[in-house]
Amino acid sequence: MYAAKSPALLRILTRKSLVWDIPDREKEIFLTFDDGPVPGITPEVLKILDQYQAKASFFCVGDNVRKSPEVYQQVLDAGHATGNHTFHHLNGWKTPLKAYLDDIALCSEVVHSRLFRPPYGRIRPSYIAPVRQDYKIIMWSVITGDFDRETTREKVLSNALNHTKSGSIVVFHDSLKAADRLLYALPRFLEAFRNKGYTFSVLTA
């Protein structure tokens, strides 16, 4: 179960330690992609982003970078930002702290970034401080739901269009599971906001 828009109360309670949006950025959106890089999917995303002169931040699973270093390099060469998404896509609610931190460290050997996003958006409150010693923890304003096989591509697009505003951090997934919904929604989303005068920027640490 997920909410397309991050809960306001949760954002307020954690705003000093977690990044949910980038305030005061008029007509600027921060696109993010989780779970890649994936051959055949990530390159298609890069083509679409290039078509709309959009930059984005890719939160990469370390094992996927190990398997497809050439695709990861394409992301970097295109001028996009990358972030750590653990090496094995670990659930922060279910993983002991040492194992979690060790997996983040393993991912850092192939993803050189001070940005971190917890897989599934799940991180125990007690884990936040240790992770923040080395990383800025990036959450989101809008989760499109493209990973959900039970939803439609039209619903994914609707989630993105209806909840995004200036300063939003928007989550898509460059994964096989999300591909059909992602590749339908992404260009239409970019077109709609570009026509309104928005730009698309990378996140910084």
C-alpha atoms as a PDB file:
ATOM      1  CA  MET A   1       0.000   0.000   0.000  1.00  0.00           C
ATOM      2  CA  TYR A   2       1.324   3.474  -0.831  1.00  0.00           C
ATOM      3  CA  ALA A   3       0.134   7.054  -1.050  1.00  0.00           C
ATOM      4  CA  ALA A   4       0.891   8.964  -4.243  1.00  0.00           C
ATOM      5  CA  LYS A   5       1.651  12.060  -2.166  1.00  0.00           C
ATOM      6  CA  SER A   6       3.886  11.863   0.894  1.00  0.00           C
ATOM      7  CA  PRO A   7       1.924  12.433   4.132  1.00  0.00           C
ATOM      8  CA  ALA A   8       2.120  16.027   5.361  1.00  0.00           C
ATOM      9  CA  LEU A   9       2.450  15.071   9.042  1.00  0.00           C
ATOM     10  CA  LEU A  10       5.333  12.716   8.340  1.00  0.00           C
ATOM     11  CA  ARG A  11       7.105  15.419   6.347  1.00  0.00           C
ATOM     12  CA  ILE A  12       6.693  17.893   9.197  1.00  0.00           C
ATOM     13  CA  LEU A  13       7.935  15.458  11.849  1.00  0.00           C
ATOM     14  CA  THR A  14      11.051  14.448   9.890  1.00  0.00           C
ATOM     15  CA  ARG A  15      11.875  17.561   7.888  1.00  0.00           C
ATOM     16  CA  LYS A  16      15.099  18.201   9.822  1.00  0.00           C
ATOM     17  CA  SER A  17      16.516  14.780   8.968  1.00  0.00           C
ATOM     18  CA  LEU A  18      14.860  13.660   5.712  1.00  0.00           C
ATOM     19  CA  VAL A  19      14.469  15.573   2.434  1.00  0.00           C
ATOM     20  CA  TRP A  20      10.930  15.408   1.044  1.00  0.00           C
ATOM     21  CA  ASP A  21      11.022  18.331  -1.365  1.00  0.00           C
ATOM     22  CA  ILE A  22      13.167  21.295  -2.406  1.00  0.00           C
ATOM     23  CA  PRO A  23      11.279  24.387  -1.219  1.00  0.00           C
ATOM     24  CA  ASP A  24      11.407  27.815  -2.828  1.00  0.00           C
ATOM     25  CA  ARG A  25      12.297  26.466  -6.281  1.00  0.00           C
ATOM     26  CA  GLU A  26       9.745  28.074  -8.554  1.00  0.00           C
ATOM     27  CA  LYS A  27       8.753  25.957 -11.573  1.00  0.00           C
ATOM     28  CA  GLU A  28      11.552  23.465 -10.909  1.00  0.00           C
ATOM     29  CA  ILE A  29      10.936  19.714 -10.489  1.00  0.00           C
ATOM     30  CA  PHE A  30      13.324  17.036  -9.244  1.00  0.00           C
ATOM     31  CA  LEU A  31      12.786  13.759 -11.074  1.00  0.00           C
ATOM     32  CA  THR A  32      14.231  10.613  -9.511  1.00  0.00           C
ATOM     33  CA  PHE A  33      14.506   7.034 -10.717  1.00  0.00           C
ATOM     34  CA  ASP A  34      14.960   4.051  -8.388  1.00  0.00           C
ATOM     35  CA  ASP A  35      16.266   0.500  -8.761  1.00  0.00           C
ATOM     36  CA  GLY A  36      18.411   0.750 -11.899  1.00  0.00           C
ATOM     37  CA  PRO A  37      20.491   0.708 -13.885  1.00  0.00           C
ATOM     38  CA  VAL A  38      18.778  -1.863 -16.102  1.00  0.00           C
ATOM     39  CA  PRO A  39      19.821  -2.558 -19.723  1.00  0.00           C
ATOM     40  CA  GLY A  40      17.067  -1.730 -22.171  1.00  0.00           C
ATOM     41  CA  ILE A  41      15.134   0.365 -19.652  1.00  0.00           C
ATOM     42  CA  THR A  42      17.566   2.935 -18.277  1.00  0.00           C
ATOM     43  CA  PRO A  43      18.874   3.828 -21.771  1.00  0.00           C
ATOM     44  CA  GLU A  44      15.294   4.442 -22.916  1.00  0.00           C
ATOM     45  CA  VAL A  45      14.745   6.737 -19.932  1.00  0.00           C
ATOM     46  CA  LEU A  46      17.924   8.615 -20.832  1.00  0.00           C
ATOM     47  CA  LYS A  47      16.661   9.131 -24.385  1.00  0.00           C
ATOM     48  CA  ILE A  48      13.358  10.519 -23.146  1.00  0.00           C
ATOM     49  CA  LEU A  49      15.056  12.847 -20.676  1.00  0.00           C
ATOM     50  CA  ASP A  50      17.388  14.093 -23.394  1.00  0.00           C
ATOM     51  CA  GLN A  51      14.442  14.753 -25.698  1.00  0.00           C
ATOM     52  CA  TYR A  52      12.979  17.122 -23.108  1.00  0.00           C
ATOM     53  CA  GLN A  53      16.336  18.537 -21.951  1.00  0.00           C
ATOM     54  CA  ALA A  54      15.587  17.208 -18.474  1.00  0.00           C
ATOM     55  CA  LYS A  55      18.071  16.205 -15.794  1.00  0.00           C
ATOM     56  CA  ALA A  56      17.295  13.683 -13.068  1.00  0.00           C
ATOM     57  CA  SER A  57      18.761  11.758 -10.139  1.00  0.00           C
ATOM     58  CA  PHE A  58      19.111   7.973 -10.338  1.00  0.00           C
ATOM     59  CA  PHE A  59      19.137   6.035  -7.060  1.00  0.00           C
ATOM     60  CA  CYS A  60      21.017   2.924  -8.074  1.00  0.00           C
ATOM     61  CA  VAL A  61      21.145  -0.560  -6.611  1.00  0.00           C
ATOM     62  CA  GLY A  62      24.822  -1.425  -6.272  1.00  0.00           C
ATOM     63  CA  ASP A  63      24.420  -4.953  -7.596  1.00  0.00           C
ATOM     64  CA  ASN A  64      22.785  -3.582 -10.742  1.00  0.00           C
ATOM     65  CA  VAL A  65      25.723  -1.205 -11.228  1.00  0.00           C
ATOM     66  CA  ARG A  66      28.077  -4.160 -10.840  1.00  0.00           C
ATOM     67  CA  LYS A  67      26.143  -6.112 -13.475  1.00  0.00           C
ATOM     68  CA  SER A  68      25.756  -3.206 -15.935  1.00  0.00           C
ATOM     69  CA  PRO A  69      28.577  -0.699 -15.404  1.00  0.00           C
ATOM     70  CA  GLU A  70      28.288   0.549 -18.981  1.00  0.00           C
ATOM     71  CA  VAL A  71      24.659   1.573 -18.428  1.00  0.00           C
ATOM     72  CA  TYR A  72      25.606   3.317 -15.190  1.00  0.00           C
ATOM     73  CA  GLN A  73      28.299   5.194 -17.079  1.00  0.00           C
ATOM     74  CA  GLN A  74      25.706   6.330 -19.622  1.00  0.00           C
ATOM     75  CA  VAL A  75      23.757   7.945 -16.765  1.00  0.00           C
ATOM     76  CA  LEU A  76      26.851   9.821 -15.611  1.00  0.00           C
ATOM     77  CA  ASP A  77      27.913  10.798 -19.116  1.00  0.00           C
ATOM     78  CA  ALA A  78      24.482  12.330 -19.747  1.00  0.00           C
ATOM     79  CA  GLY A  79      24.966  14.696 -16.813  1.00  0.00           C
ATOM     80  CA  HIS A  80      22.525  13.145 -14.368  1.00  0.00           C
ATOM     81  CA  ALA A  81      23.089  12.701 -10.636  1.00  0.00           C
ATOM     82  CA  THR A  82      23.264   9.303  -8.941  1.00  0.00           C
ATOM     83  CA  GLY A  83      22.531   8.141  -5.420  1.00  0.00           C
ATOM     84  CA  ASN A  84      23.011   5.113  -3.189  1.00  0.00           C
ATOM     85  CA  HIS A  85      20.038   2.716  -2.937  1.00  0.00           C
ATOM     86  CA  THR A  86      21.945  -0.006  -1.032  1.00  0.00           C
ATOM     87  CA  PHE A  87      23.758  -2.856  -2.777  1.00  0.00           C
ATOM     88  CA  HIS A  88      21.016  -5.481  -2.414  1.00  0.00           C
ATOM     89  CA  HIS A  89      17.871  -3.280  -2.201  1.00  0.00           C
ATOM     90  CA  LEU A  90      17.444  -3.935   1.513  1.00  0.00           C
ATOM     91  CA  ASN A  91      14.341  -3.184   3.522  1.00  0.00           C
ATOM     92  CA  GLY A  92      15.377  -0.840   6.329  1.00  0.00           C
ATOM     93  CA  TRP A  93      12.562  -2.044   8.576  1.00  0.00           C
ATOM     94  CA  LYS A  94      13.717  -5.659   8.437  1.00  0.00           C
ATOM     95  CA  THR A  95      17.511  -5.426   8.275  1.00  0.00           C
ATOM     96  CA  PRO A  96      19.774  -5.146  11.355  1.00  0.00           C
ATOM     97  CA  LEU A  97      21.628  -1.850  11.536  1.00  0.00           C
ATOM     98  CA  LYS A  98      25.130  -3.219  10.961  1.00  0.00           C
ATOM     99  CA  ALA A  99      24.022  -5.250   7.942  1.00  0.00           C
ATOM    100  CA  TYR A 100      22.191  -2.206   6.584  1.00  0.00           C
ATOM    101  CA  LEU A 101      25.162   0.118   6.964  1.00  0.00           C
ATOM    102  CA  ASP A 102      27.522  -2.507   5.525  1.00  0.00           C
ATOM    103  CA  ASP A 103      25.290  -2.852   2.454  1.00  0.00           C
ATOM    104  CA  ILE A 104      25.203   0.912   1.963  1.00  0.00           C
ATOM    105  CA  ALA A 105      28.999   0.937   2.223  1.00  0.00           C
ATOM    106  CA  LEU A 106      29.238  -1.847  -0.353  1.00  0.00           C
ATOM    107  CA  CYS A 107      27.069   0.161  -2.749  1.00  0.00           C
ATOM    108  CA  SER A 108      29.298   3.199  -2.188  1.00  0.00           C
ATOM    109  CA  GLU A 109      32.186   1.295  -3.781  1.00  0.00           C
ATOM    110  CA  VAL A 110      30.435   1.553  -7.161  1.00  0.00           C
ATOM    111  CA  VAL A 111      28.091   4.532  -6.632  1.00  0.00           C
ATOM    112  CA  HIS A 112      30.137   7.538  -5.563  1.00  0.00           C
ATOM    113  CA  SER A 113      27.494   9.843  -4.161  1.00  0.00           C
ATOM    114  CA  ARG A 114      26.462  11.419  -0.878  1.00  0.00           C
ATOM    115  CA  LEU A 115      22.784  11.047  -1.756  1.00  0.00           C
ATOM    116  CA  PHE A 116      20.902   8.083  -0.279  1.00  0.00           C
ATOM    117  CA  ARG A 117      17.358   6.815  -0.634  1.00  0.00           C
ATOM    118  CA  PRO A 118      16.132   3.879   1.481  1.00  0.00           C
ATOM    119  CA  PRO A 119      14.582   1.125  -0.656  1.00  0.00           C
ATOM    120  CA  TYR A 120      10.777   0.998  -0.265  1.00  0.00           C
ATOM    121  CA  GLY A 121      11.139   4.331   1.586  1.00  0.00           C
ATOM    122  CA  ARG A 122      11.595   2.256   4.733  1.00  0.00           C
ATOM    123  CA  ILE A 123      14.187   3.193   7.309  1.00  0.00           C
ATOM    124  CA  ARG A 124      13.916   2.796  11.069  1.00  0.00           C
ATOM    125  CA  PRO A 125      14.027   6.114  12.948  1.00  0.00           C
ATOM    126  CA  SER A 126      17.057   4.850  14.882  1.00  0.00           C
ATOM    127  CA  TYR A 127      18.925   4.286  11.586  1.00  0.00           C
ATOM    128  CA  ILE A 128      18.546   7.844  10.347  1.00  0.00           C
ATOM    129  CA  ALA A 129      21.332   9.433  12.402  1.00  0.00           C
ATOM    130  CA  PRO A 130      23.982   6.821  11.489  1.00  0.00           C
ATOM    131  CA  VAL A 131      23.135   7.091   7.789  1.00  0.00           C
ATOM    132  CA  ARG A 132      23.110  10.894   7.907  1.00  0.00           C
ATOM    133  CA  GLN A 133      26.716  10.903   9.078  1.00  0.00           C
ATOM    134  CA  ASP A 134      27.691  10.226   5.469  1.00  0.00           C
ATOM    135  CA  TYR A 135      24.602  10.901   3.355  1.00  0.00           C
ATOM    136  CA  LYS A 136      21.725  13.246   2.662  1.00  0.00           C
ATOM    137  CA  ILE A 137      18.610  11.043   2.888  1.00  0.00           C
ATOM    138  CA  ILE A 138      16.241  11.774   0.014  1.00  0.00           C
ATOM    139  CA  MET A 139      12.585  10.777   0.252  1.00  0.00           C
ATOM    140  CA  TRP A 140       9.892  12.148  -2.080  1.00  0.00           C
ATOM    141  CA  SER A 141       6.903  14.397  -2.573  1.00  0.00           C
ATOM    142  CA  VAL A 142       5.223  12.222  -5.212  1.00  0.00           C
ATOM    143  CA  ILE A 143       5.454   8.493  -5.859  1.00  0.00           C
ATOM    144  CA  THR A 144       3.964   7.666  -9.230  1.00  0.00           C
ATOM    145  CA  GLY A 145       3.167   4.012  -8.527  1.00  0.00           C
ATOM    146  CA  ASP A 146       4.768   2.808 -11.761  1.00  0.00           C
ATOM    147  CA  PHE A 147       6.116  -0.241  -9.885  1.00  0.00           C
ATOM    148  CA  ASP A 148       2.555  -1.421  -9.113  1.00  0.00           C
ATOM    149  CA  ARG A 149       1.509  -4.169 -11.502  1.00  0.00           C
ATOM    150  CA  GLU A 150      -2.101  -3.775 -10.339  1.00  0.00           C
ATOM    151  CA  THR A 151      -2.386  -0.189 -11.533  1.00  0.00           C
ATOM    152  CA  THR A 152      -2.719   1.243 -15.024  1.00  0.00           C
ATOM    153  CA  ARG A 153      -0.287   3.411 -16.907  1.00  0.00           C
ATOM    154  CA  GLU A 154      -2.984   6.106 -17.064  1.00  0.00           C
ATOM    155  CA  LYS A 155      -3.226   6.075 -13.258  1.00  0.00           C
ATOM    156  CA  VAL A 156       0.558   6.436 -12.976  1.00  0.00           C
ATOM    157  CA  LEU A 157       0.436   9.482 -15.230  1.00  0.00           C
ATOM    158  CA  SER A 158      -2.486  10.894 -13.251  1.00  0.00           C
ATOM    159  CA  ASN A 159      -0.599  10.451  -9.970  1.00  0.00           C
ATOM    160  CA  ALA A 160       2.369  12.337 -11.374  1.00  0.00           C
ATOM    161  CA  LEU A 161       0.392  15.153 -12.987  1.00  0.00           C
ATOM    162  CA  ASN A 162      -2.025  15.788 -10.138  1.00  0.00           C
ATOM    163  CA  HIS A 163       0.414  15.865  -7.219  1.00  0.00           C
ATOM    164  CA  THR A 164       3.547  17.496  -8.660  1.00  0.00           C
ATOM    165  CA  LYS A 165       4.238  21.173  -8.051  1.00  0.00           C
ATOM    166  CA  SER A 166       7.247  23.472  -7.796  1.00  0.00           C
ATOM    167  CA  GLY A 167       9.992  21.852  -5.733  1.00  0.00           C
ATOM    168  CA  SER A 168       8.514  18.363  -5.860  1.00  0.00           C
ATOM    169  CA  ILE A 169      10.731  15.284  -5.739  1.00  0.00           C
ATOM    170  CA  VAL A 170       9.019  12.741  -8.001  1.00  0.00           C
ATOM    171  CA  VAL A 171       9.741   8.994  -8.008  1.00  0.00           C
ATOM    172  CA  PHE A 172       9.724   6.746 -11.063  1.00  0.00           C
ATOM    173  CA  HIS A 173      11.478   3.365 -11.382  1.00  0.00           C
ATOM    174  CA  ASP A 174      13.822   2.389 -14.229  1.00  0.00           C
ATOM    175  CA  SER A 175      13.105  -1.305 -13.695  1.00  0.00           C
ATOM    176  CA  LEU A 176      11.674  -4.147 -15.740  1.00  0.00           C
ATOM    177  CA  LYS A 177       8.653  -4.338 -13.452  1.00  0.00           C
ATOM    178  CA  ALA A 178       7.769  -0.687 -14.031  1.00  0.00           C
ATOM    179  CA  ALA A 179       8.813  -0.389 -17.673  1.00  0.00           C
ATOM    180  CA  ASP A 180       5.438  -0.378 -19.431  1.00  0.00           C
ATOM    181  CA  ARG A 181       3.889   2.198 -17.096  1.00  0.00           C
ATOM    182  CA  LEU A 182       7.082   4.249 -16.835  1.00  0.00           C
ATOM    183  CA  LEU A 183       7.685   4.579 -20.565  1.00  0.00           C
ATOM    184  CA  TYR A 184       4.067   5.610 -21.119  1.00  0.00           C
ATOM    185  CA  ALA A 185       3.865   8.162 -18.303  1.00  0.00           C
ATOM    186  CA  LEU A 186       7.303   9.769 -18.359  1.00  0.00           C
ATOM    187  CA  PRO A 187       7.227  11.552 -21.751  1.00  0.00           C
ATOM    188  CA  ARG A 188       3.658  12.725 -21.194  1.00  0.00           C
ATOM    189  CA  PHE A 189       4.578  14.044 -17.762  1.00  0.00           C
ATOM    190  CA  LEU A 190       7.614  15.882 -19.127  1.00  0.00           C
ATOM    191  CA  GLU A 191       5.611  17.331 -22.002  1.00  0.00           C
ATOM    192  CA  ALA A 192       2.869  18.615 -19.719  1.00  0.00           C
ATOM    193  CA  PHE A 193       5.197  20.386 -17.319  1.00  0.00           C
ATOM    194  CA  ARG A 194       7.565  21.665 -19.965  1.00  0.00           C
ATOM    195  CA  ASN A 195       4.596  23.321 -21.657  1.00  0.00           C
ATOM    196  CA  LYS A 196       3.907  25.076 -18.341  1.00  0.00           C
ATOM    197  CA  GLY A 197       7.457  26.439 -18.225  1.00  0.00           C
ATOM    198  CA  TYR A 198       8.941  23.997 -15.715  1.00  0.00           C
ATOM    199  CA  THR A 199      12.538  22.767 -15.697  1.00  0.00           C
ATOM    200  CA  PHE A 200      13.882  19.464 -14.389  1.00  0.00           C
ATOM    201  CA  SER A 201      17.003  19.470 -12.218  1.00  0.00           C
ATOM    202  CA  VAL A 202      19.343  17.122 -10.356  1.00  0.00           C
ATOM    203  CA  LEU A 203      19.470  16.815  -6.590  1.00  0.00           C
ATOM    204  CA  THR A 204      22.670  17.845  -4.855  1.00  0.00           C
ATOM    205  CA  ALA A 205      24.275  16.758  -1.613  1.00  0.00           C
END
